[in-house]
Amino acid sequence: MLWLSGIHGRDNFKADSKVLGGKSVADTLDPLIDQSYMMSAVRTEVWGTKSKSSVGINPFKSSIWRGPCKDWVTFENRVLEILDILSVNSVESDSPIGILSYPISKPDDLKHPYDFSLVDYDFLPEEDGQHRKDLLNKLQYDFHVELTQSFIESDISLDVFYSGKKVGHICVEVEVDDYKVNFKVKNETPLIKKHFEQYKRVFSYPELVKCWFESGHAVVNGMVFRTGYQDVEYNKFLWADFEQYDITKEKPGTNAQKPSLKDIGKEKSLFCWVQKCWSGNWLTANEFNTTEKPKGWLYCDDGAGEKADFIHYVKHGTLHLISLIHVKASKSSEPSRRISVGAHDVVLNQAVKNLRYTARKVLVEDLKVRHDSATHKGCWSNGKAANPEDFFNVLLALKDNKHVKTRVVVVQPHTQKSVYDKSAGSKIKTQLDVLLVSADNAIRSSGADFHIIGLSD
């Protein structure tokens, strides 16, 4: 038996924990999917003992267990047996099952942080504390950070921005005590104290921070893990130029928390780009295109419990194509920006989760319920405003049609084609590719296709 705990955080489409059983469970692990899990406990058969049976080990509790004993003498003999095995076996291994990730007790080997993000507000459990929820809620829209060069290569050095304006700089050291992470502030330079102090508070809650290092380590869930990312490659990016649209602005309006969805198509946000330029008339990456004359139906389902930001339907040849489109603004529009895992993981998790939820219910019925309780839902047919009820009727007519293809599309222009192409062989590209391949596998297992759109620079 093998007990596994996920280090990918609770914002992922993978289980928080799982238990595997079998004759040789280590051989059943998936090198791609299971590398973001750590071993929390194991029960294994021990050979060479007088009474062949299994022994359980929990390294985090420093405990070993066996089955019940019929009397004190049997208990003594079993304890001596275990102690003998331990004393004979002097071989130690920091990673006994190579595929899994392992927490480390000393941060000595940490080098060169390359991506930094916070746990997504929507996925932080209520039991983790209201103060943390409130803090993340305040930080999720207006703040962003950029990693900068630090004098000591293991330190996390950040420029902090509020509404695109730099409000300060902070450098923290990663400390590990009994496997638990603490952040020690080494120096700080507040420029706008109110906003800087607000962001600085996250370092009081290590479990809110996610940071990845070129040395192959990751700070996740308040611990430092040594990761063993497999060399997988994702080569299915679609690239769009986004023309004069603002890739850092997701929705129309001046307030990110309360967007003006009635203005979709009237501004230069990414939502407006979808409404004005989206074309569903393609099947492969080579055929992918945008348009100035949209065809088909487009419905905006933005809001809590959404199936996707947009749902698009068009008939392409003999196929009926339904696209669930998820939009995420870029962290930055600077050409010097690097690849970011954090810019992708939340939107990919939402895309997988929403697809699976949709598969369990009838999409149209769910959209109707949400539409009836909403103040405004945009709908367009061939680029012109239309009645959502007509769109629902079109989808209802497809219920038993065998020629319907569903696809999940993620729009994330943070990734630039030139930077992505030049990053071959780097840790950050490998980790992003692992994330994309995992999402691709999860979405395809639900019977849909997956596409992600970056910036063609």
Foldseek 3Di string as FASTA:
>chain_A
DWKKAFQPDQLFPDDRIDDDDDPDVLVVDDLQPALRIDTQKDKDWDPPDPDTDIKIAGVLVRDIDDDDDPDDVRVVSVVVRVVVVVVVDPDDDQCPRVSYKGFDQFPVQFFAWDAKDWDALVRDDPVVDPVVSVLNVVDVQFKDWDFDDDPDGRKTKIFIGGNRHTFWIWIWHWGGHSQFTATHTPDIGGRNVVVVVSVVCVRVPQQGMWIDGLSQWIRHRRGIIRTDFDQDADDAAAADALPPAALQAAADDDDNVDHDNVCQLVHRHVSVCCLQWDEPQDDGSVRDGTDRFHAFKKKAQDDPPGLARIWTWDCHPPAIEIEREHEFGAPDPDPPDADYLVSPRNRLRSNLVSLVVCLVDPVLVVSVVSVVPDPDMFMDHRSHTDDVVVVSVVVVVCPPPPRYAYEYEYEYANDEPVNLVVCPPGPSNSVSRSSVVVSQVSNVVSVHGYYYYYHHD
